[in-house]
Amino acid sequence: MTVDQLVELAGETVIGTPSGLKSQKAQAEINRRLIEALNDSKESTKEYSKRLEFLTWVLVGLTIILVIIGALTLIRM
């Protein structure tokens, strides 16, 4: 089922009836999919965080190199 179909089914809340049971199952499925999506998001966020940290250190290294080159150029003048 699509998420929209699950949400529509979850809206049918008649407790103690077969439609109420289907509604509870739909709500549980929506929660399961949400938890799965959050876990996937967490993993990709960690991956991008590592990449950004690496790129930050690359920029720090390049900045240090530029400062050294600039200092050597000023000393030679």
PDB file of N, CA and C in Angstrom:
ATOM      1  N   MET A   1       0.830  -1.190   0.000  1.00  0.00           N
ATOM      2  CA  MET A   1       0.000   0.000   0.000  1.00  0.00           C
ATOM      3  C   MET A   1       0.873   1.251   0.000  1.00  0.00           C
ATOM      4  N   THR A   2       0.350   2.296  -0.596  1.00  0.00           N
ATOM      5  CA  THR A   2       1.072   3.565  -0.553  1.00  0.00           C
ATOM      6  C   THR A   2       0.815   4.220   0.797  1.00  0.00           C
ATOM      7  N   VAL A   3       1.618   5.217   1.099  1.00  0.00           N
ATOM      8  CA  VAL A   3       1.458   5.942   2.357  1.00  0.00           C
ATOM      9  C   VAL A   3       0.092   6.619   2.407  1.00  0.00           C
ATOM     10  N   ASP A   4      -0.341   7.183   1.296  1.00  0.00           N
ATOM     11  CA  ASP A   4      -1.651   7.839   1.267  1.00  0.00           C
ATOM     12  C   ASP A   4      -2.775   6.856   1.576  1.00  0.00           C
ATOM     13  N   GLN A   5      -2.682   5.657   1.022  1.00  0.00           N
ATOM     14  CA  GLN A   5      -3.698   4.642   1.294  1.00  0.00           C
ATOM     15  C   GLN A   5      -3.682   4.233   2.768  1.00  0.00           C
ATOM     16  N   LEU A   6      -2.476   4.122   3.330  1.00  0.00           N
ATOM     17  CA  LEU A   6      -2.374   3.769   4.745  1.00  0.00           C
ATOM     18  C   LEU A   6      -2.964   4.850   5.637  1.00  0.00           C
ATOM     19  N   VAL A   7      -2.690   6.106   5.298  1.00  0.00           N
ATOM     20  CA  VAL A   7      -3.221   7.213   6.092  1.00  0.00           C
ATOM     21  C   VAL A   7      -4.743   7.226   6.019  1.00  0.00           C
ATOM     22  N   GLU A   8      -5.280   6.991   4.837  1.00  0.00           N
ATOM     23  CA  GLU A   8      -6.734   6.956   4.683  1.00  0.00           C
ATOM     24  C   GLU A   8      -7.324   5.807   5.505  1.00  0.00           C
ATOM     25  N   LEU A   9      -6.677   4.657   5.463  1.00  0.00           N
ATOM     26  CA  LEU A   9      -7.149   3.509   6.225  1.00  0.00           C
ATOM     27  C   LEU A   9      -7.021   3.751   7.728  1.00  0.00           C
ATOM     28  N   ALA A  10      -5.949   4.419   8.127  1.00  0.00           N
ATOM     29  CA  ALA A  10      -5.739   4.698   9.548  1.00  0.00           C
ATOM     30  C   ALA A  10      -6.793   5.663  10.081  1.00  0.00           C
ATOM     31  N   GLY A  11      -7.382   6.439   9.229  1.00  0.00           N
ATOM     32  CA  GLY A  11      -8.415   7.372   9.650  1.00  0.00           C
ATOM     33  C   GLY A  11      -9.723   6.698  10.018  1.00  0.00           C
ATOM     34  N   GLU A  12      -9.886   5.455   9.634  1.00  0.00           N
ATOM     35  CA  GLU A  12     -11.105   4.708   9.940  1.00  0.00           C
ATOM     36  C   GLU A  12     -10.951   4.063  11.312  1.00  0.00           C
ATOM     37  N   THR A  13     -11.269   4.791  12.355  1.00  0.00           N
ATOM     38  CA  THR A  13     -11.065   4.277  13.706  1.00  0.00           C
ATOM     39  C   THR A  13     -12.397   3.973  14.374  1.00  0.00           C
ATOM     40  N   VAL A  14     -12.845   2.763  14.189  1.00  0.00           N
ATOM     41  CA  VAL A  14     -14.027   2.267  14.887  1.00  0.00           C
ATOM     42  C   VAL A  14     -13.528   1.111  15.743  1.00  0.00           C
ATOM     43  N   ILE A  15     -13.360   1.377  17.027  1.00  0.00           N
ATOM     44  CA  ILE A  15     -12.747   0.402  17.930  1.00  0.00           C
ATOM     45  C   ILE A  15     -13.647  -0.820  18.076  1.00  0.00           C
ATOM     46  N   GLY A  16     -13.033  -1.977  18.045  1.00  0.00           N
ATOM     47  CA  GLY A  16     -13.757  -3.219  18.254  1.00  0.00           C
ATOM     48  C   GLY A  16     -14.397  -3.786  17.000  1.00  0.00           C
ATOM     49  N   THR A  17     -14.098  -3.219  15.845  1.00  0.00           N
ATOM     50  CA  THR A  17     -14.655  -3.722  14.592  1.00  0.00           C
ATOM     51  C   THR A  17     -13.507  -4.125  13.683  1.00  0.00           C
ATOM     52  N   PRO A  18     -13.790  -4.893  12.654  1.00  0.00           N
ATOM     53  CA  PRO A  18     -12.718  -5.259  11.699  1.00  0.00           C
ATOM     54  C   PRO A  18     -12.056  -4.032  11.076  1.00  0.00           C
ATOM     55  N   SER A  19     -12.837  -2.977  10.801  1.00  0.00           N
ATOM     56  CA  SER A  19     -12.217  -1.779  10.214  1.00  0.00           C
ATOM     57  C   SER A  19     -11.307  -1.100  11.240  1.00  0.00           C
ATOM     58  N   GLY A  20     -11.659  -1.190  12.519  1.00  0.00           N
ATOM     59  CA  GLY A  20     -10.793  -0.643  13.568  1.00  0.00           C
ATOM     60  C   GLY A  20      -9.486  -1.395  13.660  1.00  0.00           C
ATOM     61  N   LEU A  21      -9.530  -2.714  13.488  1.00  0.00           N
ATOM     62  CA  LEU A  21      -8.321  -3.530  13.494  1.00  0.00           C
ATOM     63  C   LEU A  21      -7.437  -3.194  12.299  1.00  0.00           C
ATOM     64  N   LYS A  22      -8.055  -3.023  11.136  1.00  0.00           N
ATOM     65  CA  LYS A  22      -7.293  -2.625   9.942  1.00  0.00           C
ATOM     66  C   LYS A  22      -6.653  -1.265  10.168  1.00  0.00           C
ATOM     67  N   SER A  23      -7.387  -0.378  10.833  1.00  0.00           N
ATOM     68  CA  SER A  23      -6.873   0.953  11.116  1.00  0.00           C
ATOM     69  C   SER A  23      -5.647   0.878  12.017  1.00  0.00           C
ATOM     70  N   GLN A  24      -5.693   0.039  13.040  1.00  0.00           N
ATOM     71  CA  GLN A  24      -4.553  -0.115  13.933  1.00  0.00           C
ATOM     72  C   GLN A  24      -3.346  -0.694  13.194  1.00  0.00           C
ATOM     73  N   LYS A  25      -3.604  -1.653  12.316  1.00  0.00           N
ATOM     74  CA  LYS A  25      -2.508  -2.225  11.522  1.00  0.00           C
ATOM     75  C   LYS A  25      -1.911  -1.168  10.595  1.00  0.00           C
ATOM     76  N   ALA A  26      -2.770  -0.333  10.022  1.00  0.00           N
ATOM     77  CA  ALA A  26      -2.275   0.728   9.134  1.00  0.00           C
ATOM     78  C   ALA A  26      -1.427   1.724   9.915  1.00  0.00           C
ATOM     79  N   GLN A  27      -1.865   2.073  11.127  1.00  0.00           N
ATOM     80  CA  GLN A  27      -1.081   2.999  11.951  1.00  0.00           C
ATOM     81  C   GLN A  27       0.267   2.393  12.324  1.00  0.00           C
ATOM     82  N   ALA A  28       0.262   1.102  12.636  1.00  0.00           N
ATOM     83  CA  ALA A  28       1.521   0.433  12.966  1.00  0.00           C
ATOM     84  C   ALA A  28       2.458   0.417  11.755  1.00  0.00           C
ATOM     85  N   GLU A  29       1.910   0.185  10.571  1.00  0.00           N
ATOM     86  CA  GLU A  29       2.737   0.174   9.354  1.00  0.00           C
ATOM     87  C   GLU A  29       3.299   1.561   9.065  1.00  0.00           C
ATOM     88  N   ILE A  30       2.489   2.595   9.284  1.00  0.00           N
ATOM     89  CA  ILE A  30       2.976   3.963   9.085  1.00  0.00           C
ATOM     90  C   ILE A  30       4.129   4.250  10.045  1.00  0.00           C
ATOM     91  N   ASN A  31       3.976   3.855  11.303  1.00  0.00           N
ATOM     92  CA  ASN A  31       5.046   4.054  12.292  1.00  0.00           C
ATOM     93  C   ASN A  31       6.298   3.283  11.915  1.00  0.00           C
ATOM     94  N   ARG A  32       6.132   2.058  11.435  1.00  0.00           N
ATOM     95  CA  ARG A  32       7.290   1.254  11.035  1.00  0.00           C
ATOM     96  C   ARG A  32       8.045   1.920   9.891  1.00  0.00           C
ATOM     97  N   ARG A  33       7.286   2.404   8.901  1.00  0.00           N
ATOM     98  CA  ARG A  33       7.925   3.067   7.754  1.00  0.00           C
ATOM     99  C   ARG A  33       8.624   4.355   8.184  1.00  0.00           C
ATOM    100  N   LEU A  34       8.018   5.079   9.122  1.00  0.00           N
ATOM    101  CA  LEU A  34       8.633   6.311   9.614  1.00  0.00           C
ATOM    102  C   LEU A  34       9.940   6.015  10.337  1.00  0.00           C
ATOM    103  N   ILE A  35       9.935   4.997  11.183  1.00  0.00           N
ATOM    104  CA  ILE A  35      11.155   4.621  11.900  1.00  0.00           C
ATOM    105  C   ILE A  35      12.234   4.188  10.921  1.00  0.00           C
ATOM    106  N   GLU A  36      11.857   3.423   9.910  1.00  0.00           N
ATOM    107  CA  GLU A  36      12.814   2.976   8.895  1.00  0.00           C
ATOM    108  C   GLU A  36      13.404   4.174   8.140  1.00  0.00           C
ATOM    109  N   ALA A  37      12.552   5.123   7.786  1.00  0.00           N
ATOM    110  CA  ALA A  37      13.025   6.315   7.074  1.00  0.00           C
ATOM    111  C   ALA A  37      13.956   7.145   7.955  1.00  0.00           C
ATOM    112  N   LEU A  38      13.645   7.260   9.234  1.00  0.00           N
ATOM    113  CA  LEU A  38      14.515   8.006  10.146  1.00  0.00           C
ATOM    114  C   LEU A  38      15.864   7.335  10.314  1.00  0.00           C
ATOM    115  N   ASN A  39      15.869   6.011  10.398  1.00  0.00           N
ATOM    116  CA  ASN A  39      17.141   5.289  10.508  1.00  0.00           C
ATOM    117  C   ASN A  39      17.977   5.453   9.247  1.00  0.00           C
ATOM    118  N   ASP A  40      17.347   5.399   8.080  1.00  0.00           N
ATOM    119  CA  ASP A  40      18.070   5.616   6.825  1.00  0.00           C
ATOM    120  C   ASP A  40      18.631   7.029   6.778  1.00  0.00           C
ATOM    121  N   SER A  41      17.842   7.978   7.241  1.00  0.00           N
ATOM    122  CA  SER A  41      18.283   9.371   7.265  1.00  0.00           C
ATOM    123  C   SER A  41      19.474   9.543   8.198  1.00  0.00           C
ATOM    124  N   LYS A  42      19.445   8.859   9.312  1.00  0.00           N
ATOM    125  CA  LYS A  42      20.531   8.945  10.289  1.00  0.00           C
ATOM    126  C   LYS A  42      21.836   8.448   9.680  1.00  0.00           C
ATOM    127  N   GLU A  43      21.774   7.332   8.948  1.00  0.00           N
ATOM    128  CA  GLU A  43      22.971   6.763   8.333  1.00  0.00           C
ATOM    129  C   GLU A  43      23.541   7.688   7.260  1.00  0.00           C
ATOM    130  N   SER A  44      22.671   8.254   6.425  1.00  0.00           N
ATOM    131  CA  SER A  44      23.171   9.140   5.376  1.00  0.00           C
ATOM    132  C   SER A  44      23.705  10.434   5.978  1.00  0.00           C
ATOM    133  N   THR A  45      23.111  10.887   7.079  1.00  0.00           N
ATOM    134  CA  THR A  45      23.600  12.096   7.749  1.00  0.00           C
ATOM    135  C   THR A  45      24.999  11.871   8.290  1.00  0.00           C
ATOM    136  N   LYS A  46      25.246  10.698   8.874  1.00  0.00           N
ATOM    137  CA  LYS A  46      26.584  10.377   9.373  1.00  0.00           C
ATOM    138  C   LYS A  46      27.601  10.369   8.232  1.00  0.00           C
ATOM    139  N   GLU A  47      27.202   9.799   7.095  1.00  0.00           N
ATOM    140  CA  GLU A  47      28.098   9.723   5.935  1.00  0.00           C
ATOM    141  C   GLU A  47      28.463  11.129   5.442  1.00  0.00           C
ATOM    142  N   TYR A  48      27.466  11.994   5.303  1.00  0.00           N
ATOM    143  CA  TYR A  48      27.724  13.351   4.844  1.00  0.00           C
ATOM    144  C   TYR A  48      28.522  14.146   5.873  1.00  0.00           C
ATOM    145  N   SER A  49      28.312  13.866   7.136  1.00  0.00           N
ATOM    146  CA  SER A  49      29.074  14.534   8.185  1.00  0.00           C
ATOM    147  C   SER A  49      30.556  14.193   8.070  1.00  0.00           C
ATOM    148  N   LYS A  50      30.857  12.921   7.822  1.00  0.00           N
ATOM    149  CA  LYS A  50      32.255  12.503   7.652  1.00  0.00           C
ATOM    150  C   LYS A  50      32.883  13.175   6.436  1.00  0.00           C
ATOM    151  N   ARG A  51      32.117  13.251   5.346  1.00  0.00           N
ATOM    152  CA  ARG A  51      32.637  13.903   4.133  1.00  0.00           C
ATOM    153  C   ARG A  51      32.939  15.382   4.390  1.00  0.00           C
ATOM    154  N   LEU A  52      32.010  16.059   5.064  1.00  0.00           N
ATOM    155  CA  LEU A  52      32.220  17.479   5.338  1.00  0.00           C
ATOM    156  C   LEU A  52      33.404  17.701   6.273  1.00  0.00           C
ATOM    157  N   GLU A  53      33.569  16.813   7.239  1.00  0.00           N
ATOM    158  CA  GLU A  53      34.720  16.934   8.138  1.00  0.00           C
ATOM    159  C   GLU A  53      36.023  16.780   7.357  1.00  0.00           C
ATOM    160  N   PHE A  54      36.069  15.806   6.448  1.00  0.00           N
ATOM    161  CA  PHE A  54      37.262  15.599   5.625  1.00  0.00           C
ATOM    162  C   PHE A  54      37.548  16.841   4.775  1.00  0.00           C
ATOM    163  N   LEU A  55      36.510  17.376   4.133  1.00  0.00           N
ATOM    164  CA  LEU A  55      36.698  18.562   3.297  1.00  0.00           C
ATOM    165  C   LEU A  55      37.128  19.771   4.122  1.00  0.00           C
ATOM    166  N   THR A  56      36.642  19.871   5.334  1.00  0.00           N
ATOM    167  CA  THR A  56      37.062  20.963   6.217  1.00  0.00           C
ATOM    168  C   THR A  56      38.551  20.866   6.505  1.00  0.00           C
ATOM    169  N   TRP A  57      39.031  19.653   6.789  1.00  0.00           N
ATOM    170  CA  TRP A  57      40.464  19.482   7.048  1.00  0.00           C
ATOM    171  C   TRP A  57      41.297  19.748   5.796  1.00  0.00           C
ATOM    172  N   VAL A  58      40.776  19.422   4.634  1.00  0.00           N
ATOM    173  CA  VAL A  58      41.469  19.747   3.377  1.00  0.00           C
ATOM    174  C   VAL A  58      41.606  21.261   3.250  1.00  0.00           C
ATOM    175  N   LEU A  59      40.526  21.978   3.544  1.00  0.00           N
ATOM    176  CA  LEU A  59      40.587  23.445   3.484  1.00  0.00           C
ATOM    177  C   LEU A  59      41.563  24.017   4.513  1.00  0.00           C
ATOM    178  N   VAL A  60      41.608  23.437   5.690  1.00  0.00           N
ATOM    179  CA  VAL A  60      42.569  23.886   6.705  1.00  0.00           C
ATOM    180  C   VAL A  60      43.987  23.672   6.198  1.00  0.00           C
ATOM    181  N   GLY A  61      44.236  22.505   5.617  1.00  0.00           N
ATOM    182  CA  GLY A  61      45.573  22.224   5.073  1.00  0.00           C
ATOM    183  C   GLY A  61      45.954  23.179   3.954  1.00  0.00           C
ATOM    184  N   LEU A  62      45.019  23.445   3.048  1.00  0.00           N
ATOM    185  CA  LEU A  62      45.303  24.375   1.952  1.00  0.00           C
ATOM    186  C   LEU A  62      45.533  25.798   2.472  1.00  0.00           C
ATOM    187  N   THR A  63      44.810  26.177   3.496  1.00  0.00           N
ATOM    188  CA  THR A  63      45.006  27.508   4.085  1.00  0.00           C
ATOM    189  C   THR A  63      46.395  27.620   4.690  1.00  0.00           C
ATOM    190  N   ILE A  64      46.825  26.581   5.384  1.00  0.00           N
ATOM    191  CA  ILE A  64      48.177  26.586   5.965  1.00  0.00           C
ATOM    192  C   ILE A  64      49.228  26.696   4.871  1.00  0.00           C
ATOM    193  N   ILE A  65      49.042  25.969   3.787  1.00  0.00           N
ATOM    194  CA  ILE A  65      49.986  26.036   2.666  1.00  0.00           C
ATOM    195  C   ILE A  65      50.018  27.450   2.086  1.00  0.00           C
ATOM    196  N   LEU A  66      48.856  28.061   1.908  1.00  0.00           N
ATOM    197  CA  LEU A  66      48.817  29.430   1.374  1.00  0.00           C
ATOM    198  C   LEU A  66      49.495  30.425   2.310  1.00  0.00           C
ATOM    199  N   VAL A  67      49.326  30.249   3.601  1.00  0.00           N
ATOM    200  CA  VAL A  67      49.985  31.142   4.567  1.00  0.00           C
ATOM    201  C   VAL A  67      51.496  30.980   4.486  1.00  0.00           C
ATOM    202  N   ILE A  68      51.966  29.749   4.385  1.00  0.00           N
ATOM    203  CA  ILE A  68      53.409  29.499   4.281  1.00  0.00           C
ATOM    204  C   ILE A  68      53.955  30.115   3.005  1.00  0.00           C
ATOM    205  N   ILE A  69      53.265  29.917   1.888  1.00  0.00           N
ATOM    206  CA  ILE A  69      53.713  30.492   0.617  1.00  0.00           C
ATOM    207  C   ILE A  69      53.731  32.021   0.703  1.00  0.00           C
ATOM    208  N   GLY A  70      52.689  32.582   1.290  1.00  0.00           N
ATOM    209  CA  GLY A  70      52.641  34.044   1.440  1.00  0.00           C
ATOM    210  C   GLY A  70      53.755  34.561   2.322  1.00  0.00           C
ATOM    211  N   ALA A  71      54.029  33.857   3.410  1.00  0.00           N
ATOM    212  CA  ALA A  71      55.103  34.278   4.315  1.00  0.00           C
ATOM    213  C   ALA A  71      56.463  34.184   3.626  1.00  0.00           C
ATOM    214  N   LEU A  72      56.701  33.112   2.881  1.00  0.00           N
ATOM    215  CA  LEU A  72      57.976  32.975   2.170  1.00  0.00           C
ATOM    216  C   LEU A  72      58.135  34.047   1.099  1.00  0.00           C
ATOM    217  N   THR A  73      57.020  34.396   0.452  1.00  0.00           N
ATOM    218  CA  THR A  73      57.084  35.439  -0.575  1.00  0.00           C
ATOM    219  C   THR A  73      57.423  36.781   0.054  1.00  0.00           C
ATOM    220  N   LEU A  74      56.848  37.078   1.217  1.00  0.00           N
ATOM    221  CA  LEU A  74      57.158  38.348   1.895  1.00  0.00           C
ATOM    222  C   LEU A  74      58.595  38.378   2.398  1.00  0.00           C
ATOM    223  N   ILE A  75      59.104  37.257   2.858  1.00  0.00           N
ATOM    224  CA  ILE A  75      60.489  37.204   3.372  1.00  0.00           C
ATOM    225  C   ILE A  75      61.479  37.439   2.248  1.00  0.00           C
ATOM    226  N   ARG A  76      61.205  36.926   1.058  1.00  0.00           N
ATOM    227  CA  ARG A  76      62.136  37.057  -0.081  1.00  0.00           C
ATOM    228  C   ARG A  76      62.182  38.472  -0.626  1.00  0.00           C
ATOM    229  N   MET A  77      61.185  39.272  -0.365  1.00  0.00           N
ATOM    230  CA  MET A  77      61.165  40.650  -0.898  1.00  0.00           C
ATOM    231  C   MET A  77      62.145  41.466  -0.184  1.00  0.00           C
TER     232      MET A  77
END
